[in-house]
Amino acid sequence: MLVFADEVGAFVEKHPTVKMLGLAFLILIGFNLVAEGTHVHIPKGYTYFAMAFAMGVEFLNLRLRSKGAPVRLHEPRREG
């Protein structure tokens, strides 16, 4: 993991939609863990399908945007 950390970080910095996808996955997994903790069973297949579908859509999004300039985010505002 340490070998590829810089490459992965550069990729995520270049494509901020991947960062949002990762955050959405964390929320999805957290929701599933909370549901399991309250004894509500959510089949794992639903979670895996949702994640695979989102990754497929993101892959298509990256391929369509590869011809254009990458998305650049604004720097955070600083008061004062």
PDB file of N, CA and C in Angstrom:
ATOM      1  N   MET A   1       0.826  -1.194   0.000  1.00  0.00           N
ATOM      2  CA  MET A   1       0.000   0.000   0.000  1.00  0.00           C
ATOM      3  C   MET A   1       0.863   1.247   0.000  1.00  0.00           C
ATOM      4  N   LEU A   2       1.955   1.204   0.725  1.00  0.00           N
ATOM      5  CA  LEU A   2       2.815   2.378   0.779  1.00  0.00           C
ATOM      6  C   LEU A   2       3.481   2.658  -0.564  1.00  0.00           C
ATOM      7  N   VAL A   3       3.708   1.620  -1.347  1.00  0.00           N
ATOM      8  CA  VAL A   3       4.354   1.804  -2.643  1.00  0.00           C
ATOM      9  C   VAL A   3       3.466   2.616  -3.582  1.00  0.00           C
ATOM     10  N   PHE A   4       2.167   2.360  -3.558  1.00  0.00           N
ATOM     11  CA  PHE A   4       1.243   3.011  -4.480  1.00  0.00           C
ATOM     12  C   PHE A   4       0.508   4.205  -3.883  1.00  0.00           C
ATOM     13  N   ALA A   5       0.848   4.608  -2.676  1.00  0.00           N
ATOM     14  CA  ALA A   5       0.115   5.687  -2.005  1.00  0.00           C
ATOM     15  C   ALA A   5       0.216   7.001  -2.778  1.00  0.00           C
ATOM     16  N   ASP A   6       1.384   7.330  -3.289  1.00  0.00           N
ATOM     17  CA  ASP A   6       1.531   8.590  -4.025  1.00  0.00           C
ATOM     18  C   ASP A   6       0.740   8.579  -5.330  1.00  0.00           C
ATOM     19  N   GLU A   7       0.771   7.460  -6.049  1.00  0.00           N
ATOM     20  CA  GLU A   7       0.035   7.375  -7.313  1.00  0.00           C
ATOM     21  C   GLU A   7      -1.468   7.452  -7.081  1.00  0.00           C
ATOM     22  N   VAL A   8      -1.943   6.747  -6.058  1.00  0.00           N
ATOM     23  CA  VAL A   8      -3.376   6.783  -5.750  1.00  0.00           C
ATOM     24  C   VAL A   8      -3.780   8.185  -5.311  1.00  0.00           C
ATOM     25  N   GLY A   9      -2.961   8.815  -4.480  1.00  0.00           N
ATOM     26  CA  GLY A   9      -3.258  10.181  -4.034  1.00  0.00           C
ATOM     27  C   GLY A   9      -3.291  11.164  -5.186  1.00  0.00           C
ATOM     28  N   ALA A  10      -2.363  11.032  -6.134  1.00  0.00           N
ATOM     29  CA  ALA A  10      -2.353  11.920  -7.297  1.00  0.00           C
ATOM     30  C   ALA A  10      -3.584  11.688  -8.172  1.00  0.00           C
ATOM     31  N   PHE A  11      -3.979  10.414  -8.326  1.00  0.00           N
ATOM     32  CA  PHE A  11      -5.172  10.109  -9.126  1.00  0.00           C
ATOM     33  C   PHE A  11      -6.420  10.706  -8.496  1.00  0.00           C
ATOM     34  N   VAL A  12      -6.553  10.545  -7.193  1.00  0.00           N
ATOM     35  CA  VAL A  12      -7.728  11.088  -6.493  1.00  0.00           C
ATOM     36  C   VAL A  12      -7.709  12.613  -6.524  1.00  0.00           C
ATOM     37  N   GLU A  13      -6.545  13.218  -6.426  1.00  0.00           N
ATOM     38  CA  GLU A  13      -6.446  14.681  -6.491  1.00  0.00           C
ATOM     39  C   GLU A  13      -6.814  15.190  -7.880  1.00  0.00           C
ATOM     40  N   LYS A  14      -6.487  14.420  -8.910  1.00  0.00           N
ATOM     41  CA  LYS A  14      -6.805  14.808 -10.281  1.00  0.00           C
ATOM     42  C   LYS A  14      -8.285  14.602 -10.596  1.00  0.00           C
ATOM     43  N   HIS A  15      -8.914  13.606  -9.953  1.00  0.00           N
ATOM     44  CA  HIS A  15     -10.316  13.275 -10.209  1.00  0.00           C
ATOM     45  C   HIS A  15     -11.101  13.328  -8.892  1.00  0.00           C
ATOM     46  N   PRO A  16     -11.604  14.497  -8.512  1.00  0.00           N
ATOM     47  CA  PRO A  16     -12.303  14.605  -7.222  1.00  0.00           C
ATOM     48  C   PRO A  16     -13.597  13.801  -7.140  1.00  0.00           C
ATOM     49  N   THR A  17     -14.162  13.389  -8.268  1.00  0.00           N
ATOM     50  CA  THR A  17     -15.376  12.574  -8.202  1.00  0.00           C
ATOM     51  C   THR A  17     -15.076  11.202  -7.601  1.00  0.00           C
ATOM     52  N   VAL A  18     -13.845  10.736  -7.749  1.00  0.00           N
ATOM     53  CA  VAL A  18     -13.453   9.462  -7.130  1.00  0.00           C
ATOM     54  C   VAL A  18     -13.429   9.613  -5.606  1.00  0.00           C
ATOM     55  N   LYS A  19     -13.012  10.780  -5.136  1.00  0.00           N
ATOM     56  CA  LYS A  19     -13.020  11.042  -3.696  1.00  0.00           C
ATOM     57  C   LYS A  19     -14.451  11.008  -3.161  1.00  0.00           C
ATOM     58  N   MET A  20     -15.382  11.601  -3.895  1.00  0.00           N
ATOM     59  CA  MET A  20     -16.785  11.585  -3.475  1.00  0.00           C
ATOM     60  C   MET A  20     -17.349  10.166  -3.511  1.00  0.00           C
ATOM     61  N   LEU A  21     -16.937   9.381  -4.488  1.00  0.00           N
ATOM     62  CA  LEU A  21     -17.389   7.994  -4.560  1.00  0.00           C
ATOM     63  C   LEU A  21     -16.887   7.201  -3.351  1.00  0.00           C
ATOM     64  N   GLY A  22     -15.639   7.424  -2.984  1.00  0.00           N
ATOM     65  CA  GLY A  22     -15.092   6.749  -1.809  1.00  0.00           C
ATOM     66  C   GLY A  22     -15.823   7.139  -0.540  1.00  0.00           C
ATOM     67  N   LEU A  23     -16.152   8.424  -0.401  1.00  0.00           N
ATOM     68  CA  LEU A  23     -16.911   8.872   0.770  1.00  0.00           C
ATOM     69  C   LEU A  23     -18.309   8.263   0.780  1.00  0.00           C
ATOM     70  N   ALA A  24     -18.919   8.146  -0.394  1.00  0.00           N
ATOM     71  CA  ALA A  24     -20.244   7.521  -0.468  1.00  0.00           C
ATOM     72  C   ALA A  24     -20.173   6.046  -0.078  1.00  0.00           C
ATOM     73  N   PHE A  25     -19.089   5.365  -0.469  1.00  0.00           N
ATOM     74  CA  PHE A  25     -18.916   3.965  -0.072  1.00  0.00           C
ATOM     75  C   PHE A  25     -18.774   3.852   1.444  1.00  0.00           C
ATOM     76  N   LEU A  26     -18.033   4.762   2.050  1.00  0.00           N
ATOM     77  CA  LEU A  26     -17.885   4.735   3.508  1.00  0.00           C
ATOM     78  C   LEU A  26     -19.228   4.942   4.206  1.00  0.00           C
ATOM     79  N   ILE A  27     -20.040   5.840   3.679  1.00  0.00           N
ATOM     80  CA  ILE A  27     -21.366   6.065   4.259  1.00  0.00           C
ATOM     81  C   ILE A  27     -22.233   4.823   4.085  1.00  0.00           C
ATOM     82  N   LEU A  28     -22.178   4.200   2.915  1.00  0.00           N
ATOM     83  CA  LEU A  28     -22.959   2.992   2.659  1.00  0.00           C
ATOM     84  C   LEU A  28     -22.555   1.861   3.600  1.00  0.00           C
ATOM     85  N   ILE A  29     -21.271   1.658   3.770  1.00  0.00           N
ATOM     86  CA  ILE A  29     -20.797   0.606   4.659  1.00  0.00           C
ATOM     87  C   ILE A  29     -21.155   0.935   6.106  1.00  0.00           C
ATOM     88  N   GLY A  30     -21.013   2.189   6.492  1.00  0.00           N
ATOM     89  CA  GLY A  30     -21.394   2.594   7.848  1.00  0.00           C
ATOM     90  C   GLY A  30     -22.871   2.377   8.109  1.00  0.00           C
ATOM     91  N   PHE A  31     -23.706   2.699   7.141  1.00  0.00           N
ATOM     92  CA  PHE A  31     -25.142   2.478   7.281  1.00  0.00           C
ATOM     93  C   PHE A  31     -25.441   0.991   7.440  1.00  0.00           C
ATOM     94  N   ASN A  32     -24.760   0.163   6.650  1.00  0.00           N
ATOM     95  CA  ASN A  32     -24.966  -1.286   6.774  1.00  0.00           C
ATOM     96  C   ASN A  32     -24.530  -1.799   8.142  1.00  0.00           C
ATOM     97  N   LEU A  33     -23.424  -1.286   8.658  1.00  0.00           N
ATOM     98  CA  LEU A  33     -22.969  -1.710   9.984  1.00  0.00           C
ATOM     99  C   LEU A  33     -23.941  -1.293  11.080  1.00  0.00           C
ATOM    100  N   VAL A  34     -24.486  -0.098  10.969  1.00  0.00           N
ATOM    101  CA  VAL A  34     -25.473   0.357  11.957  1.00  0.00           C
ATOM    102  C   VAL A  34     -26.732  -0.504  11.861  1.00  0.00           C
ATOM    103  N   ALA A  35     -27.158  -0.801  10.633  1.00  0.00           N
ATOM    104  CA  ALA A  35     -28.346  -1.643  10.458  1.00  0.00           C
ATOM    105  C   ALA A  35     -28.107  -3.036  11.041  1.00  0.00           C
ATOM    106  N   GLU A  36     -26.934  -3.610  10.795  1.00  0.00           N
ATOM    107  CA  GLU A  36     -26.627  -4.927  11.365  1.00  0.00           C
ATOM    108  C   GLU A  36     -26.574  -4.859  12.887  1.00  0.00           C
ATOM    109  N   GLY A  37     -26.112  -3.747  13.435  1.00  0.00           N
ATOM    110  CA  GLY A  37     -26.060  -3.594  14.885  1.00  0.00           C
ATOM    111  C   GLY A  37     -27.434  -3.522  15.519  1.00  0.00           C
ATOM    112  N   THR A  38     -28.423  -3.078  14.740  1.00  0.00           N
ATOM    113  CA  THR A  38     -29.798  -3.026  15.245  1.00  0.00           C
ATOM    114  C   THR A  38     -30.599  -4.255  14.811  1.00  0.00           C
ATOM    115  N   HIS A  39     -29.913  -5.294  14.366  1.00  0.00           N
ATOM    116  CA  HIS A  39     -30.499  -6.575  13.980  1.00  0.00           C
ATOM    117  C   HIS A  39     -31.420  -6.467  12.770  1.00  0.00           C
ATOM    118  N   VAL A  40     -31.137  -5.521  11.875  1.00  0.00           N
ATOM    119  CA  VAL A  40     -31.834  -5.437  10.590  1.00  0.00           C
ATOM    120  C   VAL A  40     -30.874  -5.988   9.549  1.00  0.00           C
ATOM    121  N   HIS A  41     -31.253  -7.091   8.918  1.00  0.00           N
ATOM    122  CA  HIS A  41     -30.356  -7.741   7.970  1.00  0.00           C
ATOM    123  C   HIS A  41     -30.551  -7.151   6.578  1.00  0.00           C
ATOM    124  N   ILE A  42     -29.468  -6.638   5.997  1.00  0.00           N
ATOM    125  CA  ILE A  42     -29.456  -6.173   4.612  1.00  0.00           C
ATOM    126  C   ILE A  42     -28.556  -7.146   3.853  1.00  0.00           C
ATOM    127  N   PRO A  43     -29.091  -7.831   2.846  1.00  0.00           N
ATOM    128  CA  PRO A  43     -28.252  -8.785   2.103  1.00  0.00           C
ATOM    129  C   PRO A  43     -27.020  -8.093   1.501  1.00  0.00           C
ATOM    130  N   LYS A  44     -25.883  -8.739   1.638  1.00  0.00           N
ATOM    131  CA  LYS A  44     -24.630  -8.154   1.161  1.00  0.00           C
ATOM    132  C   LYS A  44     -24.640  -7.946  -0.350  1.00  0.00           C
ATOM    133  N   GLY A  45     -25.412  -8.768  -1.057  1.00  0.00           N
ATOM    134  CA  GLY A  45     -25.496  -8.623  -2.506  1.00  0.00           C
ATOM    135  C   GLY A  45     -26.009  -7.261  -2.930  1.00  0.00           C
ATOM    136  N   TYR A  46     -26.943  -6.698  -2.161  1.00  0.00           N
ATOM    137  CA  TYR A  46     -27.458  -5.358  -2.466  1.00  0.00           C
ATOM    138  C   TYR A  46     -26.344  -4.317  -2.348  1.00  0.00           C
ATOM    139  N   THR A  47     -25.568  -4.444  -1.300  1.00  0.00           N
ATOM    140  CA  THR A  47     -24.477  -3.492  -1.084  1.00  0.00           C
ATOM    141  C   THR A  47     -23.426  -3.627  -2.177  1.00  0.00           C
ATOM    142  N   TYR A  48     -23.034  -4.858  -2.479  1.00  0.00           N
ATOM    143  CA  TYR A  48     -22.014  -5.070  -3.504  1.00  0.00           C
ATOM    144  C   TYR A  48     -22.497  -4.614  -4.870  1.00  0.00           C
ATOM    145  N   PHE A  49     -23.776  -4.866  -5.183  1.00  0.00           N
ATOM    146  CA  PHE A  49     -24.302  -4.421  -6.469  1.00  0.00           C
ATOM    147  C   PHE A  49     -24.309  -2.905  -6.552  1.00  0.00           C
ATOM    148  N   ALA A  50     -24.714  -2.241  -5.478  1.00  0.00           N
ATOM    149  CA  ALA A  50     -24.732  -0.778  -5.482  1.00  0.00           C
ATOM    150  C   ALA A  50     -23.330  -0.215  -5.677  1.00  0.00           C
ATOM    151  N   MET A  51     -22.346  -0.823  -5.023  1.00  0.00           N
ATOM    152  CA  MET A  51     -20.975  -0.349  -5.163  1.00  0.00           C
ATOM    153  C   MET A  51     -20.442  -0.624  -6.568  1.00  0.00           C
ATOM    154  N   ALA A  52     -20.730  -1.799  -7.119  1.00  0.00           N
ATOM    155  CA  ALA A  52     -20.264  -2.124  -8.467  1.00  0.00           C
ATOM    156  C   ALA A  52     -20.923  -1.218  -9.506  1.00  0.00           C
ATOM    157  N   PHE A  53     -22.211  -0.959  -9.332  1.00  0.00           N
ATOM    158  CA  PHE A  53     -22.911  -0.075 -10.260  1.00  0.00           C
ATOM    159  C   PHE A  53     -22.322   1.331 -10.207  1.00  0.00           C
ATOM    160  N   ALA A  54     -22.077   1.848  -9.008  1.00  0.00           N
ATOM    161  CA  ALA A  54     -21.502   3.183  -8.870  1.00  0.00           C
ATOM    162  C   ALA A  54     -20.103   3.255  -9.473  1.00  0.00           C
ATOM    163  N   MET A  55     -19.309   2.191  -9.279  1.00  0.00           N
ATOM    164  CA  MET A  55     -17.974   2.176  -9.876  1.00  0.00           C
ATOM    165  C   MET A  55     -18.059   2.105 -11.403  1.00  0.00           C
ATOM    166  N   GLY A  56     -19.015   1.377 -11.929  1.00  0.00           N
ATOM    167  CA  GLY A  56     -19.199   1.322 -13.381  1.00  0.00           C
ATOM    168  C   GLY A  56     -19.571   2.668 -13.958  1.00  0.00           C
ATOM    169  N   VAL A  57     -20.485   3.364 -13.292  1.00  0.00           N
ATOM    170  CA  VAL A  57     -20.879   4.691 -13.744  1.00  0.00           C
ATOM    171  C   VAL A  57     -19.690   5.656 -13.657  1.00  0.00           C
ATOM    172  N   GLU A  58     -18.917   5.561 -12.581  1.00  0.00           N
ATOM    173  CA  GLU A  58     -17.752   6.432 -12.435  1.00  0.00           C
ATOM    174  C   GLU A  58     -16.702   6.118 -13.492  1.00  0.00           C
ATOM    175  N   PHE A  59     -16.518   4.842 -13.820  1.00  0.00           N
ATOM    176  CA  PHE A  59     -15.582   4.471 -14.877  1.00  0.00           C
ATOM    177  C   PHE A  59     -16.005   5.100 -16.203  1.00  0.00           C
ATOM    178  N   LEU A  60     -17.295   5.023 -16.531  1.00  0.00           N
ATOM    179  CA  LEU A  60     -17.780   5.655 -17.760  1.00  0.00           C
ATOM    180  C   LEU A  60     -17.597   7.174 -17.703  1.00  0.00           C
ATOM    181  N   ASN A  61     -17.839   7.760 -16.548  1.00  0.00           N
ATOM    182  CA  ASN A  61     -17.656   9.194 -16.370  1.00  0.00           C
ATOM    183  C   ASN A  61     -16.199   9.586 -16.609  1.00  0.00           C
ATOM    184  N   LEU A  62     -15.268   8.823 -16.066  1.00  0.00           N
ATOM    185  CA  LEU A  62     -13.848   9.114 -16.260  1.00  0.00           C
ATOM    186  C   LEU A  62     -13.446   8.964 -17.718  1.00  0.00           C
ATOM    187  N   ARG A  63     -13.980   7.960 -18.399  1.00  0.00           N
ATOM    188  CA  ARG A  63     -13.646   7.774 -19.817  1.00  0.00           C
ATOM    189  C   ARG A  63     -14.192   8.907 -20.663  1.00  0.00           C
ATOM    190  N   LEU A  64     -15.404   9.372 -20.360  1.00  0.00           N
ATOM    191  CA  LEU A  64     -15.974  10.472 -21.141  1.00  0.00           C
ATOM    192  C   LEU A  64     -15.241  11.782 -20.894  1.00  0.00           C
ATOM    193  N   ARG A  65     -14.788  11.997 -19.675  1.00  0.00           N
ATOM    194  CA  ARG A  65     -14.097  13.245 -19.336  1.00  0.00           C
ATOM    195  C   ARG A  65     -12.601  13.192 -19.622  1.00  0.00           C
ATOM    196  N   SER A  66     -12.084  12.052 -20.032  1.00  0.00           N
ATOM    197  CA  SER A  66     -10.635  11.940 -20.234  1.00  0.00           C
ATOM    198  C   SER A  66     -10.159  12.812 -21.392  1.00  0.00           C
ATOM    199  N   LYS A  67     -11.033  13.129 -22.298  1.00  0.00           N
ATOM    200  CA  LYS A  67     -10.654  13.953 -23.442  1.00  0.00           C
ATOM    201  C   LYS A  67     -10.568  15.429 -23.087  1.00  0.00           C
ATOM    202  N   GLY A  68     -11.253  15.833 -22.021  1.00  0.00           N
ATOM    203  CA  GLY A  68     -11.252  17.233 -21.610  1.00  0.00           C
ATOM    204  C   GLY A  68     -10.292  17.485 -20.464  1.00  0.00           C
ATOM    205  N   ALA A  69     -10.309  18.691 -19.986  1.00  0.00           N
ATOM    206  CA  ALA A  69      -9.459  19.061 -18.852  1.00  0.00           C
ATOM    207  C   ALA A  69     -10.046  18.481 -17.574  1.00  0.00           C
ATOM    208  N   PRO A  70      -9.203  18.095 -16.613  1.00  0.00           N
ATOM    209  CA  PRO A  70      -9.723  17.569 -15.354  1.00  0.00           C
ATOM    210  C   PRO A  70     -10.441  18.661 -14.556  1.00  0.00           C
ATOM    211  N   VAL A  71     -11.291  18.229 -13.652  1.00  0.00           N
ATOM    212  CA  VAL A  71     -12.042  19.154 -12.817  1.00  0.00           C
ATOM    213  C   VAL A  71     -11.092  19.787 -11.800  1.00  0.00           C
ATOM    214  N   ARG A  72     -11.126  21.090 -11.701  1.00  0.00           N
ATOM    215  CA  ARG A  72     -10.305  21.796 -10.717  1.00  0.00           C
ATOM    216  C   ARG A  72     -11.228  22.411  -9.668  1.00  0.00           C
ATOM    217  N   LEU A  73     -10.971  22.111  -8.426  1.00  0.00           N
ATOM    218  CA  LEU A  73     -11.758  22.666  -7.337  1.00  0.00           C
ATOM    219  C   LEU A  73     -11.138  23.964  -6.861  1.00  0.00           C
ATOM    220  N   HIS A  74     -11.987  24.837  -6.339  1.00  0.00           N
ATOM    221  CA  HIS A  74     -11.491  26.089  -5.777  1.00  0.00           C
ATOM    222  C   HIS A  74     -10.806  25.827  -4.452  1.00  0.00           C
ATOM    223  N   GLU A  75      -9.880  26.678  -4.129  1.00  0.00           N
ATOM    224  CA  GLU A  75      -9.242  26.593  -2.815  1.00  0.00           C
ATOM    225  C   GLU A  75     -10.255  27.012  -1.765  1.00  0.00           C
ATOM    226  N   PRO A  76     -10.172  26.481  -0.552  1.00  0.00           N
ATOM    227  CA  PRO A  76     -11.103  26.892   0.491  1.00  0.00           C
ATOM    228  C   PRO A  76     -10.952  28.379   0.815  1.00  0.00           C
ATOM    229  N   ARG A  77     -12.062  28.982   1.165  1.00  0.00           N
ATOM    230  CA  ARG A  77     -12.035  30.402   1.516  1.00  0.00           C
ATOM    231  C   ARG A  77     -11.338  30.587   2.854  1.00  0.00           C
ATOM    232  N   ARG A  78     -10.585  31.651   2.928  1.00  0.00           N
ATOM    233  CA  ARG A  78      -9.920  31.982   4.182  1.00  0.00           C
ATOM    234  C   ARG A  78     -10.437  33.341   4.646  1.00  0.00           C
ATOM    235  N   GLU A  79     -10.940  33.343   5.845  1.00  0.00           N
ATOM    236  CA  GLU A  79     -11.482  34.566   6.432  1.00  0.00           C
ATOM    237  C   GLU A  79     -10.341  35.490   6.827  1.00  0.00           C
ATOM    238  N   GLY A  80     -10.503  36.774   6.541  1.00  0.00           N
ATOM    239  CA  GLY A  80      -9.540  37.767   7.006  1.00  0.00           C
ATOM    240  C   GLY A  80      -8.482  38.045   6.108  1.00  0.00           C
TER     241      GLY A  80
END
